[in-house]
Amino acid sequence: MGAYFLVEIMEIIDAAAYGEYIAGVKDIVEKNGGEYVVRSNRVSPFFGGPCPVRVIMIRFRDRDGLERCFGSEEYKRIGPLRESSTRANACIVEED
């Protein structure tokens, strides 16, 4: 069953560092079987709480692939760029 990595970027604190992260993460995601479903700054509120400034959704064949990607040594080298340059929420959504 598919597993989705859903990220809400609530605030970009350092655009240059975040840009560096974006430049490096795509190859790591794709090398690990991830496929970007959506990456967009065009986010509009509908209801509820605060609306993110950016949304990213990545589909993996299964949760193991997702965890392998974001647990990889390659990702661990660039992950701190995202952590220091944004305020974000992320969750894993698995298909039934």
PDB file of N, CA and C in Angstrom:
ATOM      1  N   MET A   1       0.822  -1.182   0.000  1.00  0.00           N
ATOM      2  CA  MET A   1       0.000   0.000   0.000  1.00  0.00           C
ATOM      3  C   MET A   1       0.869   1.249   0.000  1.00  0.00           C
ATOM      4  N   GLY A   2       0.416   2.269  -0.681  1.00  0.00           N
ATOM      5  CA  GLY A   2       1.164   3.516  -0.779  1.00  0.00           C
ATOM      6  C   GLY A   2       1.244   4.248   0.546  1.00  0.00           C
ATOM      7  N   ALA A   3       2.304   5.009   0.677  1.00  0.00           N
ATOM      8  CA  ALA A   3       2.495   5.870   1.847  1.00  0.00           C
ATOM      9  C   ALA A   3       2.848   7.259   1.329  1.00  0.00           C
ATOM     10  N   TYR A   4       2.199   8.259   1.890  1.00  0.00           N
ATOM     11  CA  TYR A   4       2.401   9.643   1.476  1.00  0.00           C
ATOM     12  C   TYR A   4       3.087  10.418   2.580  1.00  0.00           C
ATOM     13  N   PHE A   5       4.034  11.234   2.191  1.00  0.00           N
ATOM     14  CA  PHE A   5       4.704  12.144   3.117  1.00  0.00           C
ATOM     15  C   PHE A   5       4.118  13.512   2.840  1.00  0.00           C
ATOM     16  N   LEU A   6       3.394  14.051   3.797  1.00  0.00           N
ATOM     17  CA  LEU A   6       2.695  15.320   3.643  1.00  0.00           C
ATOM     18  C   LEU A   6       3.370  16.363   4.521  1.00  0.00           C
ATOM     19  N   VAL A   7       3.838  17.443   3.891  1.00  0.00           N
ATOM     20  CA  VAL A   7       4.565  18.489   4.602  1.00  0.00           C
ATOM     21  C   VAL A   7       3.835  19.814   4.430  1.00  0.00           C
ATOM     22  N   GLU A   8       3.645  20.516   5.536  1.00  0.00           N
ATOM     23  CA  GLU A   8       3.109  21.872   5.532  1.00  0.00           C
ATOM     24  C   GLU A   8       4.221  22.801   5.994  1.00  0.00           C
ATOM     25  N   ILE A   9       4.662  23.675   5.112  1.00  0.00           N
ATOM     26  CA  ILE A   9       5.640  24.685   5.492  1.00  0.00           C
ATOM     27  C   ILE A   9       4.843  25.883   5.985  1.00  0.00           C
ATOM     28  N   MET A  10       4.943  26.155   7.268  1.00  0.00           N
ATOM     29  CA  MET A  10       4.163  27.235   7.867  1.00  0.00           C
ATOM     30  C   MET A  10       4.868  28.586   7.700  1.00  0.00           C
ATOM     31  N   GLU A  11       6.206  28.545   7.674  1.00  0.00           N
ATOM     32  CA  GLU A  11       6.976  29.781   7.529  1.00  0.00           C
ATOM     33  C   GLU A  11       8.355  29.435   6.980  1.00  0.00           C
ATOM     34  N   ILE A  12       8.833  30.240   6.050  1.00  0.00           N
ATOM     35  CA  ILE A  12      10.202  30.107   5.552  1.00  0.00           C
ATOM     36  C   ILE A  12      11.021  31.186   6.245  1.00  0.00           C
ATOM     37  N   ILE A  13      11.976  30.750   7.046  1.00  0.00           N
ATOM     38  CA  ILE A  13      12.783  31.647   7.869  1.00  0.00           C
ATOM     39  C   ILE A  13      14.025  32.120   7.110  1.00  0.00           C
ATOM     40  N   ASP A  14      14.623  31.218   6.330  1.00  0.00           N
ATOM     41  CA  ASP A  14      15.855  31.510   5.586  1.00  0.00           C
ATOM     42  C   ASP A  14      15.685  30.953   4.173  1.00  0.00           C
ATOM     43  N   ALA A  15      15.293  31.810   3.240  1.00  0.00           N
ATOM     44  CA  ALA A  15      14.986  31.377   1.869  1.00  0.00           C
ATOM     45  C   ALA A  15      16.203  30.776   1.168  1.00  0.00           C
ATOM     46  N   ALA A  16      17.386  31.301   1.399  1.00  0.00           N
ATOM     47  CA  ALA A  16      18.590  30.779   0.743  1.00  0.00           C
ATOM     48  C   ALA A  16      18.877  29.344   1.203  1.00  0.00           C
ATOM     49  N   ALA A  17      18.827  29.098   2.492  1.00  0.00           N
ATOM     50  CA  ALA A  17      19.075  27.751   3.018  1.00  0.00           C
ATOM     51  C   ALA A  17      17.984  26.790   2.568  1.00  0.00           C
ATOM     52  N   TYR A  18      16.740  27.254   2.561  1.00  0.00           N
ATOM     53  CA  TYR A  18      15.646  26.394   2.109  1.00  0.00           C
ATOM     54  C   TYR A  18      15.812  26.066   0.623  1.00  0.00           C
ATOM     55  N   GLY A  19      16.239  27.025  -0.170  1.00  0.00           N
ATOM     56  CA  GLY A  19      16.505  26.782  -1.584  1.00  0.00           C
ATOM     57  C   GLY A  19      17.589  25.740  -1.785  1.00  0.00           C
ATOM     58  N   GLU A  20      18.617  25.780  -0.956  1.00  0.00           N
ATOM     59  CA  GLU A  20      19.690  24.782  -1.014  1.00  0.00           C
ATOM     60  C   GLU A  20      19.137  23.397  -0.672  1.00  0.00           C
ATOM     61  N   TYR A  21      18.279  23.345   0.326  1.00  0.00           N
ATOM     62  CA  TYR A  21      17.641  22.084   0.706  1.00  0.00           C
ATOM     63  C   TYR A  21      16.812  21.533  -0.457  1.00  0.00           C
ATOM     64  N   ILE A  22      15.980  22.372  -1.053  1.00  0.00           N
ATOM     65  CA  ILE A  22      15.127  21.946  -2.165  1.00  0.00           C
ATOM     66  C   ILE A  22      15.968  21.402  -3.317  1.00  0.00           C
ATOM     67  N   ALA A  23      17.084  22.074  -3.601  1.00  0.00           N
ATOM     68  CA  ALA A  23      17.955  21.640  -4.689  1.00  0.00           C
ATOM     69  C   ALA A  23      18.526  20.244  -4.445  1.00  0.00           C
ATOM     70  N   GLY A  24      18.757  19.887  -3.191  1.00  0.00           N
ATOM     71  CA  GLY A  24      19.352  18.594  -2.888  1.00  0.00           C
ATOM     72  C   GLY A  24      18.384  17.475  -2.599  1.00  0.00           C
ATOM     73  N   VAL A  25      17.198  17.780  -2.104  1.00  0.00           N
ATOM     74  CA  VAL A  25      16.308  16.731  -1.629  1.00  0.00           C
ATOM     75  C   VAL A  25      15.622  15.960  -2.763  1.00  0.00           C
ATOM     76  N   LYS A  26      15.353  16.596  -3.886  1.00  0.00           N
ATOM     77  CA  LYS A  26      14.601  15.958  -4.970  1.00  0.00           C
ATOM     78  C   LYS A  26      15.284  14.672  -5.438  1.00  0.00           C
ATOM     79  N   ASP A  27      16.589  14.716  -5.663  1.00  0.00           N
ATOM     80  CA  ASP A  27      17.303  13.519  -6.115  1.00  0.00           C
ATOM     81  C   ASP A  27      17.263  12.401  -5.080  1.00  0.00           C
ATOM     82  N   ILE A  28      17.360  12.767  -3.803  1.00  0.00           N
ATOM     83  CA  ILE A  28      17.320  11.764  -2.735  1.00  0.00           C
ATOM     84  C   ILE A  28      15.952  11.094  -2.700  1.00  0.00           C
ATOM     85  N   VAL A  29      14.898  11.895  -2.793  1.00  0.00           N
ATOM     86  CA  VAL A  29      13.531  11.359  -2.788  1.00  0.00           C
ATOM     87  C   VAL A  29      13.335  10.413  -3.972  1.00  0.00           C
ATOM     88  N   GLU A  30      13.688  10.861  -5.163  1.00  0.00           N
ATOM     89  CA  GLU A  30      13.464  10.051  -6.364  1.00  0.00           C
ATOM     90  C   GLU A  30      14.335   8.803  -6.378  1.00  0.00           C
ATOM     91  N   LYS A  31      15.566   8.893  -5.878  1.00  0.00           N
ATOM     92  CA  LYS A  31      16.456   7.731  -5.805  1.00  0.00           C
ATOM     93  C   LYS A  31      15.871   6.651  -4.896  1.00  0.00           C
ATOM     94  N   ASN A  32      15.065   7.071  -3.923  1.00  0.00           N
ATOM     95  CA  ASN A  32      14.455   6.136  -2.977  1.00  0.00           C
ATOM     96  C   ASN A  32      13.017   5.770  -3.337  1.00  0.00           C
ATOM     97  N   GLY A  33      12.629   6.027  -4.580  1.00  0.00           N
ATOM     98  CA  GLY A  33      11.322   5.600  -5.062  1.00  0.00           C
ATOM     99  C   GLY A  33      10.189   6.567  -4.797  1.00  0.00           C
ATOM    100  N   GLY A  34      10.495   7.757  -4.300  1.00  0.00           N
ATOM    101  CA  GLY A  34       9.449   8.742  -4.043  1.00  0.00           C
ATOM    102  C   GLY A  34       9.062   9.476  -5.312  1.00  0.00           C
ATOM    103  N   GLU A  35       7.788   9.818  -5.387  1.00  0.00           N
ATOM    104  CA  GLU A  35       7.265  10.574  -6.530  1.00  0.00           C
ATOM    105  C   GLU A  35       6.506  11.781  -5.978  1.00  0.00           C
ATOM    106  N   TYR A  36       6.901  12.974  -6.422  1.00  0.00           N
ATOM    107  CA  TYR A  36       6.213  14.179  -5.970  1.00  0.00           C
ATOM    108  C   TYR A  36       4.818  14.222  -6.580  1.00  0.00           C
ATOM    109  N   VAL A  37       3.817  14.344  -5.735  1.00  0.00           N
ATOM    110  CA  VAL A  37       2.428  14.478  -6.169  1.00  0.00           C
ATOM    111  C   VAL A  37       2.104  15.964  -6.316  1.00  0.00           C
ATOM    112  N   VAL A  38       2.561  16.755  -5.355  1.00  0.00           N
ATOM    113  CA  VAL A  38       2.359  18.210  -5.415  1.00  0.00           C
ATOM    114  C   VAL A  38       3.467  18.906  -4.632  1.00  0.00           C
ATOM    115  N   ARG A  39       3.915  20.038  -5.163  1.00  0.00           N
ATOM    116  CA  ARG A  39       4.826  20.978  -4.496  1.00  0.00           C
ATOM    117  C   ARG A  39       4.318  22.350  -4.902  1.00  0.00           C
ATOM    118  N   SER A  40       3.776  23.098  -3.962  1.00  0.00           N
ATOM    119  CA  SER A  40       3.151  24.348  -4.365  1.00  0.00           C
ATOM    120  C   SER A  40       3.160  25.391  -3.267  1.00  0.00           C
ATOM    121  N   ASN A  41       3.330  26.646  -3.699  1.00  0.00           N
ATOM    122  CA  ASN A  41       3.170  27.804  -2.830  1.00  0.00           C
ATOM    123  C   ASN A  41       1.764  28.382  -2.972  1.00  0.00           C
ATOM    124  N   ARG A  42       0.980  27.834  -3.872  1.00  0.00           N
ATOM    125  CA  ARG A  42      -0.380  28.333  -4.120  1.00  0.00           C
ATOM    126  C   ARG A  42      -1.348  27.593  -3.197  1.00  0.00           C
ATOM    127  N   VAL A  43      -1.386  28.038  -1.958  1.00  0.00           N
ATOM    128  CA  VAL A  43      -2.187  27.409  -0.913  1.00  0.00           C
ATOM    129  C   VAL A  43      -3.178  28.442  -0.398  1.00  0.00           C
ATOM    130  N   SER A  44      -4.455  28.087  -0.376  1.00  0.00           N
ATOM    131  CA  SER A  44      -5.506  29.007   0.075  1.00  0.00           C
ATOM    132  C   SER A  44      -6.261  28.397   1.241  1.00  0.00           C
ATOM    133  N   PRO A  45      -6.614  29.200   2.228  1.00  0.00           N
ATOM    134  CA  PRO A  45      -7.373  28.666   3.360  1.00  0.00           C
ATOM    135  C   PRO A  45      -8.787  28.253   2.943  1.00  0.00           C
ATOM    136  N   PHE A  46      -9.285  27.211   3.581  1.00  0.00           N
ATOM    137  CA  PHE A  46     -10.652  26.758   3.343  1.00  0.00           C
ATOM    138  C   PHE A  46     -11.443  26.792   4.641  1.00  0.00           C
ATOM    139  N   PHE A  47     -10.901  26.152   5.688  1.00  0.00           N
ATOM    140  CA  PHE A  47     -11.479  26.254   7.032  1.00  0.00           C
ATOM    141  C   PHE A  47     -10.420  25.826   8.032  1.00  0.00           C
ATOM    142  N   GLY A  48     -10.673  26.077   9.279  1.00  0.00           N
ATOM    143  CA  GLY A  48      -9.769  25.640  10.342  1.00  0.00           C
ATOM    144  C   GLY A  48      -8.689  26.643  10.665  1.00  0.00           C
ATOM    145  N   GLY A  49      -7.582  26.109  11.136  1.00  0.00           N
ATOM    146  CA  GLY A  49      -6.484  26.921  11.640  1.00  0.00           C
ATOM    147  C   GLY A  49      -5.644  27.586  10.575  1.00  0.00           C
ATOM    148  N   PRO A  50      -4.438  27.949  10.955  1.00  0.00           N
ATOM    149  CA  PRO A  50      -3.547  28.665  10.055  1.00  0.00           C
ATOM    150  C   PRO A  50      -3.243  27.854   8.787  1.00  0.00           C
ATOM    151  N   CYS A  51      -3.090  28.563   7.706  1.00  0.00           N
ATOM    152  CA  CYS A  51      -2.819  27.949   6.406  1.00  0.00           C
ATOM    153  C   CYS A  51      -1.308  27.979   6.144  1.00  0.00           C
ATOM    154  N   PRO A  52      -0.732  26.885   5.670  1.00  0.00           N
ATOM    155  CA  PRO A  52       0.701  26.896   5.363  1.00  0.00           C
ATOM    156  C   PRO A  52       0.997  27.788   4.156  1.00  0.00           C
ATOM    157  N   VAL A  53       2.260  28.170   4.020  1.00  0.00           N
ATOM    158  CA  VAL A  53       2.677  28.957   2.857  1.00  0.00           C
ATOM    159  C   VAL A  53       3.108  28.055   1.706  1.00  0.00           C
ATOM    160  N   ARG A  54       3.356  26.780   2.011  1.00  0.00           N
ATOM    161  CA  ARG A  54       3.786  25.814   0.992  1.00  0.00           C
ATOM    162  C   ARG A  54       3.353  24.418   1.434  1.00  0.00           C
ATOM    163  N   VAL A  55       2.971  23.579   0.468  1.00  0.00           N
ATOM    164  CA  VAL A  55       2.586  22.194   0.745  1.00  0.00           C
ATOM    165  C   VAL A  55       3.350  21.277  -0.209  1.00  0.00           C
ATOM    166  N   ILE A  56       3.839  20.171   0.349  1.00  0.00           N
ATOM    167  CA  ILE A  56       4.532  19.157  -0.438  1.00  0.00           C
ATOM    168  C   ILE A  56       3.906  17.813  -0.102  1.00  0.00           C
ATOM    169  N   MET A  57       3.586  17.018  -1.124  1.00  0.00           N
ATOM    170  CA  MET A  57       3.102  15.657  -0.917  1.00  0.00           C
ATOM    171  C   MET A  57       3.927  14.735  -1.814  1.00  0.00           C
ATOM    172  N   ILE A  58       4.513  13.712  -1.193  1.00  0.00           N
ATOM    173  CA  ILE A  58       5.357  12.750  -1.905  1.00  0.00           C
ATOM    174  C   ILE A  58       4.772  11.361  -1.686  1.00  0.00           C
ATOM    175  N   ARG A  59       4.600  10.619  -2.773  1.00  0.00           N
ATOM    176  CA  ARG A  59       4.087   9.239  -2.674  1.00  0.00           C
ATOM    177  C   ARG A  59       5.232   8.250  -2.782  1.00  0.00           C
ATOM    178  N   PHE A  60       5.226   7.289  -1.863  1.00  0.00           N
ATOM    179  CA  PHE A  60       6.157   6.160  -1.898  1.00  0.00           C
ATOM    180  C   PHE A  60       5.333   4.887  -2.057  1.00  0.00           C
ATOM    181  N   ARG A  61       5.938   3.862  -2.604  1.00  0.00           N
ATOM    182  CA  ARG A  61       5.245   2.588  -2.807  1.00  0.00           C
ATOM    183  C   ARG A  61       4.752   2.022  -1.475  1.00  0.00           C
ATOM    184  N   ASP A  62       5.568   2.229  -0.409  1.00  0.00           N
ATOM    185  CA  ASP A  62       5.189   1.743   0.916  1.00  0.00           C
ATOM    186  C   ASP A  62       5.921   2.560   1.983  1.00  0.00           C
ATOM    187  N   ARG A  63       5.532   2.331   3.219  1.00  0.00           N
ATOM    188  CA  ARG A  63       6.124   3.085   4.332  1.00  0.00           C
ATOM    189  C   ARG A  63       7.609   2.793   4.483  1.00  0.00           C
ATOM    190  N   ASP A  64       8.020   1.567   4.194  1.00  0.00           N
ATOM    191  CA  ASP A  64       9.438   1.220   4.293  1.00  0.00           C
ATOM    192  C   ASP A  64      10.282   2.102   3.378  1.00  0.00           C
ATOM    193  N   GLY A  65       9.807   2.338   2.157  1.00  0.00           N
ATOM    194  CA  GLY A  65      10.532   3.194   1.225  1.00  0.00           C
ATOM    195  C   GLY A  65      10.633   4.616   1.741  1.00  0.00           C
ATOM    196  N   LEU A  66       9.546   5.113   2.306  1.00  0.00           N
ATOM    197  CA  LEU A  66       9.524   6.458   2.874  1.00  0.00           C
ATOM    198  C   LEU A  66      10.539   6.570   4.012  1.00  0.00           C
ATOM    199  N   GLU A  67      10.515   5.608   4.905  1.00  0.00           N
ATOM    200  CA  GLU A  67      11.422   5.643   6.049  1.00  0.00           C
ATOM    201  C   GLU A  67      12.874   5.458   5.619  1.00  0.00           C
ATOM    202  N   ARG A  68      13.101   4.647   4.595  1.00  0.00           N
ATOM    203  CA  ARG A  68      14.450   4.455   4.065  1.00  0.00           C
ATOM    204  C   ARG A  68      14.985   5.782   3.491  1.00  0.00           C
ATOM    205  N   CYS A  69      14.120   6.504   2.792  1.00  0.00           N
ATOM    206  CA  CYS A  69      14.510   7.783   2.202  1.00  0.00           C
ATOM    207  C   CYS A  69      14.923   8.783   3.272  1.00  0.00           C
ATOM    208  N   PHE A  70      14.022   9.054   4.209  1.00  0.00           N
ATOM    209  CA  PHE A  70      14.275  10.103   5.193  1.00  0.00           C
ATOM    210  C   PHE A  70      15.188   9.654   6.331  1.00  0.00           C
ATOM    211  N   GLY A  71      15.517   8.364   6.366  1.00  0.00           N
ATOM    212  CA  GLY A  71      16.496   7.856   7.318  1.00  0.00           C
ATOM    213  C   GLY A  71      17.867   7.649   6.704  1.00  0.00           C
ATOM    214  N   SER A  72      17.991   7.935   5.404  1.00  0.00           N
ATOM    215  CA  SER A  72      19.254   7.696   4.697  1.00  0.00           C
ATOM    216  C   SER A  72      20.332   8.687   5.142  1.00  0.00           C
ATOM    217  N   GLU A  73      21.575   8.267   4.985  1.00  0.00           N
ATOM    218  CA  GLU A  73      22.701   9.137   5.318  1.00  0.00           C
ATOM    219  C   GLU A  73      22.684  10.382   4.441  1.00  0.00           C
ATOM    220  N   GLU A  74      22.314  10.217   3.175  1.00  0.00           N
ATOM    221  CA  GLU A  74      22.222  11.365   2.268  1.00  0.00           C
ATOM    222  C   GLU A  74      21.245  12.410   2.804  1.00  0.00           C
ATOM    223  N   TYR A  75      20.058  11.938   3.236  1.00  0.00           N
ATOM    224  CA  TYR A  75      19.069  12.885   3.748  1.00  0.00           C
ATOM    225  C   TYR A  75      19.532  13.500   5.063  1.00  0.00           C
ATOM    226  N   LYS A  76      20.146  12.716   5.906  1.00  0.00           N
ATOM    227  CA  LYS A  76      20.604  13.232   7.203  1.00  0.00           C
ATOM    228  C   LYS A  76      21.599  14.379   7.030  1.00  0.00           C
ATOM    229  N   ARG A  77      22.321  14.395   5.895  1.00  0.00           N
ATOM    230  CA  ARG A  77      23.275  15.478   5.644  1.00  0.00           C
ATOM    231  C   ARG A  77      22.578  16.783   5.286  1.00  0.00           C
ATOM    232  N   ILE A  78      21.412  16.716   4.600  1.00  0.00           N
ATOM    233  CA  ILE A  78      20.754  17.961   4.200  1.00  0.00           C
ATOM    234  C   ILE A  78      19.541  18.312   5.062  1.00  0.00           C
ATOM    235  N   GLY A  79      19.027  17.361   5.814  1.00  0.00           N
ATOM    236  CA  GLY A  79      17.858  17.595   6.666  1.00  0.00           C
ATOM    237  C   GLY A  79      17.984  18.813   7.563  1.00  0.00           C
ATOM    238  N   PRO A  80      19.154  19.043   8.177  1.00  0.00           N
ATOM    239  CA  PRO A  80      19.292  20.219   9.037  1.00  0.00           C
ATOM    240  C   PRO A  80      19.052  21.547   8.309  1.00  0.00           C
ATOM    241  N   LEU A  81      19.264  21.584   6.992  1.00  0.00           N
ATOM    242  CA  LEU A  81      18.958  22.806   6.240  1.00  0.00           C
ATOM    243  C   LEU A  81      17.474  23.128   6.320  1.00  0.00           C
ATOM    244  N   ARG A  82      16.632  22.112   6.163  1.00  0.00           N
ATOM    245  CA  ARG A  82      15.185  22.323   6.246  1.00  0.00           C
ATOM    246  C   ARG A  82      14.788  22.696   7.669  1.00  0.00           C
ATOM    247  N   GLU A  83      15.378  22.009   8.617  1.00  0.00           N
ATOM    248  CA  GLU A  83      15.032  22.256  10.017  1.00  0.00           C
ATOM    249  C   GLU A  83      15.366  23.682  10.444  1.00  0.00           C
ATOM    250  N   SER A  84      16.471  24.214   9.965  1.00  0.00           N
ATOM    251  CA  SER A  84      16.889  25.555  10.374  1.00  0.00           C
ATOM    252  C   SER A  84      16.258  26.662   9.529  1.00  0.00           C
ATOM    253  N   SER A  85      15.731  26.316   8.360  1.00  0.00           N
ATOM    254  CA  SER A  85      15.247  27.355   7.447  1.00  0.00           C
ATOM    255  C   SER A  85      13.732  27.483   7.392  1.00  0.00           C
ATOM    256  N   THR A  86      13.013  26.565   8.035  1.00  0.00           N
ATOM    257  CA  THR A  86      11.552  26.617   7.995  1.00  0.00           C
ATOM    258  C   THR A  86      10.962  26.278   9.356  1.00  0.00           C
ATOM    259  N   ARG A  87       9.699  26.620   9.477  1.00  0.00           N
ATOM    260  CA  ARG A  87       8.858  26.122  10.569  1.00  0.00           C
ATOM    261  C   ARG A  87       7.828  25.269   9.849  1.00  0.00           C
ATOM    262  N   ALA A  88       7.805  23.963  10.142  1.00  0.00           N
ATOM    263  CA  ALA A  88       7.002  23.048   9.334  1.00  0.00           C
ATOM    264  C   ALA A  88       6.380  21.938  10.164  1.00  0.00           C
ATOM    265  N   ASN A  89       5.350  21.319   9.575  1.00  0.00           N
ATOM    266  CA  ASN A  89       4.713  20.124  10.126  1.00  0.00           C
ATOM    267  C   ASN A  89       4.788  19.050   9.049  1.00  0.00           C
ATOM    268  N   ALA A  90       4.925  17.805   9.466  1.00  0.00           N
ATOM    269  CA  ALA A  90       4.933  16.702   8.509  1.00  0.00           C
ATOM    270  C   ALA A  90       4.195  15.518   9.106  1.00  0.00           C
ATOM    271  N   CYS A  91       3.555  14.746   8.244  1.00  0.00           N
ATOM    272  CA  CYS A  91       2.903  13.520   8.699  1.00  0.00           C
ATOM    273  C   CYS A  91       2.964  12.489   7.581  1.00  0.00           C
ATOM    274  N   ILE A  92       2.758  11.241   7.978  1.00  0.00           N
ATOM    275  CA  ILE A  92       2.719  10.124   7.039  1.00  0.00           C
ATOM    276  C   ILE A  92       1.262   9.682   6.936  1.00  0.00           C
ATOM    277  N   VAL A  93       0.790   9.537   5.704  1.00  0.00           N
ATOM    278  CA  VAL A  93      -0.581   9.088   5.453  1.00  0.00           C
ATOM    279  C   VAL A  93      -0.471   7.797   4.655  1.00  0.00           C
ATOM    280  N   GLU A  94      -0.997   6.693   5.202  1.00  0.00           N
ATOM    281  CA  GLU A  94      -0.946   5.414   4.521  1.00  0.00           C
ATOM    282  C   GLU A  94      -2.303   5.065   3.915  1.00  0.00           C
ATOM    283  N   GLU A  95      -2.266   4.482   2.721  1.00  0.00           N
ATOM    284  CA  GLU A  95      -3.502   4.033   2.078  1.00  0.00           C
ATOM    285  C   GLU A  95      -4.038   2.822   2.816  1.00  0.00           C
ATOM    286  N   ASP A  96      -5.357   2.706   2.859  1.00  0.00           N
ATOM    287  CA  ASP A  96      -6.004   1.532   3.470  1.00  0.00           C
ATOM    288  C   ASP A  96      -5.954   0.370   2.504  1.00  0.00           C
TER     289      ASP A  96
END
